Amino acid sequence: MTEKAKEDNHKPGKPWTTVGVFDSYENAQNQIMHLIAAAPTYDFKIRRSGDGGSQFTITVSYTHLTL
């Protein structure tokens, strides 16, 4: 497969926006519960960040899936 063919098959993923950074997973999870209550149709995720994975970042995707 040529380099051009590889590039043509790539589809960009959902755009994710950072909502906040927390020092503990429990604080991030608590914030996500409030965000889900306010906007249940958005997608949220928590990922490790910071020096050595010591912080937790909440990101949100505002795109909606259509079937």
N, C-alpha and C. Protein backbone atom coordinates (compact mmCIF):
# COMPACT_ATOMS: atom_id res chain seq x y z
N MET A 1 0.86 -1.18 0.00
CA MET A 1 0.00 0.00 0.00
C MET A 1 0.90 1.24 0.00
N THR A 2 0.63 2.16 -0.86
CA THR A 2 1.47 3.35 -0.98
C THR A 2 1.12 4.36 0.12
N GLU A 3 2.00 5.31 0.30
CA GLU A 3 1.78 6.36 1.30
C GLU A 3 0.51 7.16 1.00
N LYS A 4 0.24 7.41 -0.27
CA LYS A 4 -0.94 8.17 -0.67
C LYS A 4 -2.22 7.41 -0.28
N ALA A 5 -2.23 6.11 -0.49
CA ALA A 5 -3.41 5.31 -0.17
C ALA A 5 -3.64 5.29 1.34
N LYS A 6 -2.58 5.26 2.14
CA LYS A 6 -2.72 5.29 3.60
C LYS A 6 -3.34 6.61 4.06
N GLU A 7 -2.92 7.69 3.46
CA GLU A 7 -3.44 9.01 3.84
C GLU A 7 -4.92 9.15 3.47
N ASP A 8 -5.34 8.58 2.34
CA ASP A 8 -6.72 8.70 1.89
C ASP A 8 -7.68 7.93 2.79
N ASN A 9 -7.23 6.87 3.45
CA ASN A 9 -8.08 6.06 4.30
C ASN A 9 -8.26 6.64 5.70
N HIS A 10 -7.48 7.63 6.07
CA HIS A 10 -7.56 8.20 7.41
C HIS A 10 -8.78 9.09 7.55
N LYS A 11 -9.58 8.83 8.60
CA LYS A 11 -10.72 9.68 8.90
C LYS A 11 -10.49 10.30 10.26
N PRO A 12 -10.64 11.60 10.38
CA PRO A 12 -10.40 12.23 11.69
C PRO A 12 -11.43 11.77 12.71
N GLY A 13 -11.00 11.68 13.95
CA GLY A 13 -11.89 11.28 15.03
C GLY A 13 -12.73 12.45 15.52
N LYS A 14 -13.45 12.19 16.58
CA LYS A 14 -14.29 13.24 17.15
C LYS A 14 -13.40 14.32 17.76
N PRO A 15 -13.81 15.57 17.69
CA PRO A 15 -13.03 16.63 18.35
C PRO A 15 -13.30 16.60 19.85
N TRP A 16 -12.25 16.54 20.64
CA TRP A 16 -12.36 16.52 22.10
C TRP A 16 -11.84 17.82 22.66
N THR A 17 -12.54 18.36 23.67
CA THR A 17 -12.18 19.61 24.32
C THR A 17 -11.94 19.34 25.80
N THR A 18 -10.87 19.92 26.36
CA THR A 18 -10.57 19.75 27.77
C THR A 18 -11.53 20.57 28.61
N VAL A 19 -12.12 19.93 29.63
CA VAL A 19 -13.06 20.60 30.53
C VAL A 19 -12.36 21.02 31.81
N GLY A 20 -11.51 20.16 32.35
CA GLY A 20 -10.82 20.47 33.59
C GLY A 20 -9.74 19.45 33.91
N VAL A 21 -8.86 19.83 34.84
CA VAL A 21 -7.78 18.97 35.30
C VAL A 21 -7.91 18.84 36.82
N PHE A 22 -7.83 17.60 37.32
CA PHE A 22 -8.04 17.33 38.73
C PHE A 22 -6.89 16.52 39.30
N ASP A 23 -6.70 16.63 40.62
CA ASP A 23 -5.60 15.93 41.28
C ASP A 23 -5.94 14.50 41.66
N SER A 24 -7.21 14.15 41.69
CA SER A 24 -7.59 12.78 42.03
C SER A 24 -8.68 12.29 41.08
N TYR A 25 -8.72 10.97 40.89
CA TYR A 25 -9.73 10.38 40.02
C TYR A 25 -11.12 10.60 40.60
N GLU A 26 -11.24 10.55 41.93
CA GLU A 26 -12.54 10.73 42.57
C GLU A 26 -13.11 12.12 42.30
N ASN A 27 -12.28 13.15 42.36
CA ASN A 27 -12.74 14.51 42.05
C ASN A 27 -13.17 14.63 40.59
N ALA A 28 -12.42 14.02 39.70
CA ALA A 28 -12.77 14.05 38.28
C ALA A 28 -14.08 13.30 38.04
N GLN A 29 -14.24 12.15 38.66
CA GLN A 29 -15.47 11.37 38.51
C GLN A 29 -16.67 12.13 39.05
N ASN A 30 -16.51 12.80 40.17
CA ASN A 30 -17.58 13.61 40.74
C ASN A 30 -17.99 14.73 39.78
N GLN A 31 -17.02 15.38 39.17
CA GLN A 31 -17.32 16.44 38.21
C GLN A 31 -18.02 15.89 36.98
N ILE A 32 -17.61 14.71 36.51
CA ILE A 32 -18.27 14.10 35.35
C ILE A 32 -19.72 13.81 35.65
N MET A 33 -20.03 13.37 36.86
CA MET A 33 -21.43 13.08 37.21
C MET A 33 -22.28 14.36 37.10
N HIS A 34 -21.74 15.49 37.51
CA HIS A 34 -22.46 16.77 37.38
C HIS A 34 -22.60 17.16 35.91
N LEU A 35 -21.56 16.94 35.13
CA LEU A 35 -21.61 17.29 33.71
C LEU A 35 -22.60 16.41 32.96
N ILE A 36 -22.65 15.13 33.28
CA ILE A 36 -23.60 14.22 32.63
C ILE A 36 -25.03 14.62 32.95
N ALA A 37 -25.26 15.05 34.19
CA ALA A 37 -26.60 15.49 34.57
C ALA A 37 -27.02 16.73 33.79
N ALA A 38 -26.06 17.61 33.49
CA ALA A 38 -26.37 18.85 32.76
C ALA A 38 -26.46 18.63 31.26
N ALA A 39 -25.66 17.71 30.73
CA ALA A 39 -25.62 17.47 29.28
C ALA A 39 -25.49 15.98 29.00
N PRO A 40 -26.57 15.22 29.14
CA PRO A 40 -26.47 13.76 29.01
C PRO A 40 -26.15 13.25 27.61
N THR A 41 -26.28 14.06 26.58
CA THR A 41 -26.03 13.59 25.22
C THR A 41 -24.57 13.75 24.79
N TYR A 42 -23.76 14.43 25.58
CA TYR A 42 -22.35 14.60 25.25
C TYR A 42 -21.55 13.38 25.71
N ASP A 43 -20.38 13.18 25.12
CA ASP A 43 -19.49 12.10 25.51
C ASP A 43 -18.39 12.68 26.39
N PHE A 44 -18.14 12.05 27.53
CA PHE A 44 -17.11 12.48 28.46
C PHE A 44 -16.12 11.35 28.68
N LYS A 45 -14.86 11.70 28.96
CA LYS A 45 -13.89 10.69 29.35
C LYS A 45 -12.85 11.32 30.27
N ILE A 46 -12.26 10.46 31.09
CA ILE A 46 -11.19 10.87 31.99
C ILE A 46 -9.92 10.20 31.51
N ARG A 47 -8.84 10.97 31.44
CA ARG A 47 -7.56 10.39 31.06
C ARG A 47 -6.48 10.91 31.98
N ARG A 48 -5.46 10.11 32.17
CA ARG A 48 -4.32 10.52 33.00
C ARG A 48 -3.51 11.57 32.26
N SER A 49 -2.99 12.52 33.02
CA SER A 49 -2.15 13.56 32.44
C SER A 49 -1.17 14.03 33.52
N GLY A 50 -0.41 15.02 33.20
CA GLY A 50 0.52 15.57 34.17
C GLY A 50 1.80 14.76 34.28
N ASP A 51 2.65 15.18 35.17
CA ASP A 51 3.95 14.56 35.37
C ASP A 51 3.78 13.16 35.97
N GLY A 52 4.11 12.15 35.22
CA GLY A 52 4.01 10.78 35.70
C GLY A 52 2.58 10.28 35.85
N GLY A 53 1.62 10.93 35.21
CA GLY A 53 0.23 10.51 35.31
C GLY A 53 -0.41 10.86 36.64
N SER A 54 0.05 11.94 37.25
CA SER A 54 -0.43 12.30 38.59
C SER A 54 -1.73 13.10 38.57
N GLN A 55 -2.17 13.54 37.41
CA GLN A 55 -3.40 14.32 37.30
C GLN A 55 -4.39 13.61 36.38
N PHE A 56 -5.65 14.06 36.43
CA PHE A 56 -6.70 13.46 35.62
C PHE A 56 -7.42 14.58 34.88
N THR A 57 -7.51 14.43 33.56
CA THR A 57 -8.11 15.45 32.70
C THR A 57 -9.45 14.94 32.18
N ILE A 58 -10.48 15.78 32.29
CA ILE A 58 -11.79 15.47 31.72
C ILE A 58 -11.87 16.12 30.35
N THR A 59 -12.27 15.32 29.36
CA THR A 59 -12.49 15.86 28.02
C THR A 59 -13.92 15.55 27.59
N VAL A 60 -14.43 16.39 26.71
CA VAL A 60 -15.81 16.25 26.25
C VAL A 60 -15.84 16.36 24.73
N SER A 61 -16.74 15.58 24.11
CA SER A 61 -16.99 15.67 22.68
C SER A 61 -18.43 16.11 22.50
N TYR A 62 -18.62 17.19 21.76
CA TYR A 62 -19.95 17.76 21.56
C TYR A 62 -20.65 17.19 20.36
N THR A 63 -20.01 16.31 19.61
CA THR A 63 -20.63 15.75 18.42
C THR A 63 -21.64 14.68 18.81
N HIS A 64 -22.64 14.52 17.98
CA HIS A 64 -23.69 13.54 18.24
C HIS A 64 -23.66 12.48 17.15
N LEU A 65 -23.91 11.26 17.54
CA LEU A 65 -23.97 10.19 16.56
C LEU A 65 -25.35 10.16 15.93
N THR A 66 -25.38 9.98 14.64
CA THR A 66 -26.67 9.86 13.95
C THR A 66 -26.72 8.47 13.32
N LEU A 67 -27.83 7.82 13.45
CA LEU A 67 -27.97 6.47 12.89
C LEU A 67 -28.86 6.51 11.68
